[in-house]
N, C-alpha and C. Protein backbone atom coordinates (compact mmCIF):
# COMPACT_ATOMS: atom_id res chain seq x y z
N MET A 1 0.85 -1.17 0.00
CA MET A 1 0.00 0.00 0.00
C MET A 1 0.89 1.22 0.00
N SER A 2 0.60 2.14 -0.85
CA SER A 2 1.34 3.39 -0.88
C SER A 2 0.42 4.50 -0.38
N ILE A 3 0.98 5.37 0.39
CA ILE A 3 0.24 6.49 0.94
C ILE A 3 0.63 7.75 0.18
N GLU A 4 -0.39 8.49 -0.28
CA GLU A 4 -0.13 9.77 -0.92
C GLU A 4 -0.13 10.84 0.16
N ILE A 5 0.79 11.78 0.05
CA ILE A 5 0.81 12.91 0.97
C ILE A 5 0.64 14.18 0.14
N ASP A 6 -0.42 14.93 0.44
CA ASP A 6 -0.69 16.19 -0.23
C ASP A 6 -0.19 17.30 0.67
N THR A 7 0.97 17.87 0.34
CA THR A 7 1.56 18.90 1.18
C THR A 7 0.79 20.22 1.10
N ASN A 8 0.06 20.44 0.02
CA ASN A 8 -0.74 21.67 -0.10
C ASN A 8 -1.89 21.71 0.90
N SER A 9 -2.53 20.55 1.10
CA SER A 9 -3.66 20.49 2.04
C SER A 9 -3.29 19.80 3.35
N SER A 10 -2.04 19.37 3.49
CA SER A 10 -1.55 18.66 4.69
C SER A 10 -2.42 17.45 5.03
N THR A 11 -2.70 16.64 4.00
CA THR A 11 -3.49 15.43 4.20
C THR A 11 -2.73 14.21 3.68
N CYS A 12 -3.12 13.05 4.18
CA CYS A 12 -2.61 11.79 3.62
C CYS A 12 -3.81 11.04 3.08
N ILE A 13 -3.57 10.32 1.99
CA ILE A 13 -4.64 9.63 1.27
C ILE A 13 -4.20 8.20 1.01
N PHE A 14 -5.07 7.23 1.34
CA PHE A 14 -4.79 5.84 1.03
C PHE A 14 -6.09 5.06 1.00
N THR A 15 -6.03 3.85 0.46
CA THR A 15 -7.19 2.98 0.38
C THR A 15 -7.00 1.81 1.33
N HIS A 16 -8.05 1.52 2.10
CA HIS A 16 -8.03 0.39 3.04
C HIS A 16 -9.34 -0.36 2.89
N GLU A 17 -9.24 -1.65 2.53
CA GLU A 17 -10.40 -2.52 2.34
C GLU A 17 -11.42 -1.89 1.40
N GLY A 18 -10.93 -1.31 0.31
CA GLY A 18 -11.79 -0.75 -0.71
C GLY A 18 -12.33 0.64 -0.43
N THR A 19 -12.01 1.19 0.72
CA THR A 19 -12.48 2.53 1.08
C THR A 19 -11.33 3.51 1.03
N ARG A 20 -11.56 4.63 0.38
CA ARG A 20 -10.54 5.68 0.27
C ARG A 20 -10.63 6.55 1.52
N HIS A 21 -9.48 6.77 2.16
CA HIS A 21 -9.40 7.60 3.35
C HIS A 21 -8.54 8.81 3.05
N GLU A 22 -9.00 9.97 3.50
CA GLU A 22 -8.22 11.20 3.38
C GLU A 22 -8.29 11.89 4.73
N TRP A 23 -7.13 11.96 5.39
CA TRP A 23 -7.08 12.51 6.74
C TRP A 23 -6.07 13.64 6.85
N PRO A 24 -6.32 14.60 7.73
CA PRO A 24 -5.27 15.58 8.04
C PRO A 24 -4.08 14.84 8.66
N ILE A 25 -2.90 15.16 8.20
CA ILE A 25 -1.70 14.46 8.68
C ILE A 25 -1.55 14.60 10.19
N THR A 26 -1.93 15.74 10.74
CA THR A 26 -1.77 15.95 12.18
C THR A 26 -2.71 15.08 13.02
N GLU A 27 -3.69 14.43 12.39
CA GLU A 27 -4.60 13.53 13.10
C GLU A 27 -4.19 12.07 12.98
N VAL A 28 -3.08 11.81 12.31
CA VAL A 28 -2.60 10.45 12.06
C VAL A 28 -1.47 10.11 13.03
N ARG A 29 -1.47 8.88 13.50
CA ARG A 29 -0.39 8.40 14.37
C ARG A 29 0.29 7.23 13.70
N VAL A 30 1.60 7.26 13.65
CA VAL A 30 2.39 6.13 13.16
C VAL A 30 2.89 5.39 14.39
N SER A 31 2.62 4.10 14.46
CA SER A 31 2.98 3.31 15.63
C SER A 31 3.64 2.01 15.20
N THR A 32 3.86 1.13 16.16
CA THR A 32 4.51 -0.16 15.90
C THR A 32 3.57 -1.29 16.27
N ASP A 33 3.45 -2.28 15.39
CA ASP A 33 2.75 -3.53 15.70
C ASP A 33 3.83 -4.51 16.14
N PRO A 34 3.94 -4.77 17.46
CA PRO A 34 5.03 -5.62 17.93
C PRO A 34 4.97 -7.06 17.45
N GLU A 35 3.77 -7.58 17.22
CA GLU A 35 3.66 -8.96 16.75
C GLU A 35 4.13 -9.10 15.31
N ALA A 36 3.76 -8.15 14.46
CA ALA A 36 4.15 -8.20 13.05
C ALA A 36 5.52 -7.56 12.83
N ARG A 37 6.01 -6.81 13.83
CA ARG A 37 7.28 -6.09 13.72
C ARG A 37 7.28 -5.15 12.52
N MET A 38 6.15 -4.42 12.42
CA MET A 38 5.97 -3.47 11.32
C MET A 38 5.37 -2.18 11.85
N SER A 39 5.55 -1.13 11.08
CA SER A 39 4.88 0.13 11.41
C SER A 39 3.43 0.05 10.96
N ILE A 40 2.59 0.81 11.66
CA ILE A 40 1.18 0.89 11.33
C ILE A 40 0.75 2.35 11.34
N ILE A 41 -0.30 2.63 10.58
CA ILE A 41 -0.94 3.94 10.62
C ILE A 41 -2.21 3.75 11.45
N GLU A 42 -2.47 4.70 12.35
CA GLU A 42 -3.63 4.60 13.22
C GLU A 42 -4.42 5.90 13.20
N LYS A 43 -5.73 5.75 13.17
CA LYS A 43 -6.64 6.87 13.40
C LYS A 43 -7.95 6.26 13.86
N GLY A 44 -8.33 6.57 15.05
CA GLY A 44 -9.53 5.94 15.62
C GLY A 44 -9.33 4.44 15.71
N GLU A 45 -10.28 3.69 15.20
CA GLU A 45 -10.22 2.23 15.25
C GLU A 45 -9.43 1.62 14.10
N LEU A 46 -9.11 2.42 13.07
CA LEU A 46 -8.41 1.87 11.90
C LEU A 46 -6.93 1.73 12.19
N ARG A 47 -6.41 0.56 11.91
CA ARG A 47 -4.98 0.25 12.03
C ARG A 47 -4.58 -0.49 10.76
N LYS A 48 -3.55 0.02 10.08
CA LYS A 48 -3.13 -0.58 8.81
C LYS A 48 -1.62 -0.63 8.76
N HIS A 49 -1.07 -1.81 8.42
CA HIS A 49 0.38 -1.94 8.26
C HIS A 49 0.85 -1.09 7.09
N ILE A 50 1.98 -0.44 7.28
CA ILE A 50 2.56 0.39 6.24
C ILE A 50 4.05 0.12 6.14
N SER A 51 4.62 0.50 5.03
CA SER A 51 6.06 0.31 4.84
C SER A 51 6.83 1.31 5.70
N GLU A 52 8.09 1.00 5.96
CA GLU A 52 8.92 1.93 6.73
C GLU A 52 9.13 3.23 5.97
N ASN A 53 9.18 3.14 4.66
CA ASN A 53 9.31 4.34 3.84
C ASN A 53 8.09 5.25 4.03
N ASP A 54 6.89 4.67 3.99
CA ASP A 54 5.68 5.46 4.21
C ASP A 54 5.64 6.02 5.63
N ALA A 55 6.08 5.24 6.61
CA ALA A 55 6.12 5.71 8.00
C ALA A 55 7.02 6.93 8.12
N GLU A 56 8.19 6.87 7.53
CA GLU A 56 9.14 7.99 7.59
C GLU A 56 8.57 9.22 6.89
N ARG A 57 7.94 9.01 5.75
CA ARG A 57 7.35 10.13 5.00
C ARG A 57 6.23 10.80 5.80
N LEU A 58 5.38 10.00 6.45
CA LEU A 58 4.29 10.56 7.24
C LEU A 58 4.81 11.36 8.42
N VAL A 59 5.78 10.82 9.12
CA VAL A 59 6.35 11.52 10.28
C VAL A 59 7.02 12.82 9.84
N ALA A 60 7.75 12.77 8.74
CA ALA A 60 8.41 13.98 8.23
C ALA A 60 7.38 15.05 7.83
N ALA A 61 6.18 14.61 7.42
CA ALA A 61 5.13 15.54 7.00
C ALA A 61 4.31 16.06 8.18
N GLY A 62 4.52 15.50 9.39
CA GLY A 62 3.84 16.03 10.56
C GLY A 62 2.98 15.06 11.33
N ALA A 63 2.93 13.78 10.94
CA ALA A 63 2.17 12.79 11.70
C ALA A 63 2.86 12.52 13.04
N GLU A 64 2.09 12.11 14.03
CA GLU A 64 2.66 11.77 15.33
C GLU A 64 3.49 10.49 15.20
N ASP A 65 4.67 10.50 15.77
CA ASP A 65 5.55 9.33 15.72
C ASP A 65 5.47 8.59 17.05
N GLY A 66 4.70 7.49 17.07
CA GLY A 66 4.56 6.69 18.27
C GLY A 66 5.26 5.35 18.14
N ARG A 67 6.20 5.26 17.21
CA ARG A 67 6.91 3.99 17.00
C ARG A 67 7.90 3.73 18.13
N PHE A 68 8.22 2.45 18.30
CA PHE A 68 9.26 2.08 19.25
C PHE A 68 10.07 0.96 18.64
N HIS A 69 11.30 0.86 19.10
CA HIS A 69 12.21 -0.16 18.57
C HIS A 69 12.01 -1.48 19.30
N LEU A 70 12.05 -2.54 18.54
CA LEU A 70 11.94 -3.88 19.10
C LEU A 70 13.31 -4.54 19.08
N ILE A 71 13.70 -5.07 20.21
CA ILE A 71 15.01 -5.73 20.31
C ILE A 71 14.76 -7.19 20.67
N VAL A 72 15.40 -8.07 19.91
CA VAL A 72 15.28 -9.50 20.17
C VAL A 72 16.62 -9.98 20.68
N TYR A 73 16.58 -10.61 21.80
CA TYR A 73 17.80 -11.19 22.37
C TYR A 73 17.80 -12.68 22.14
N ASN A 74 18.87 -13.20 21.58
CA ASN A 74 19.01 -14.63 21.38
C ASN A 74 19.63 -15.22 22.63
N GLU A 75 19.01 -16.25 23.12
CA GLU A 75 19.53 -16.90 24.33
C GLU A 75 20.31 -18.13 23.98
């Protein structure tokens, strides 16, 4: 999934399960799904896995960065 970022209107646009979403970037949170070890986009109840490239682009455009690093220790 690729996310479009419209810098003129400060919105991000993407499709999830056939529905087009257009949100103000400042209302979007980028977080981490620890089970999938991937970044996700969150707004309300919607959570969607996104690429690290899209996560970086959203944060640079003004989305909240709620990601955290996962460390795996081999025993």
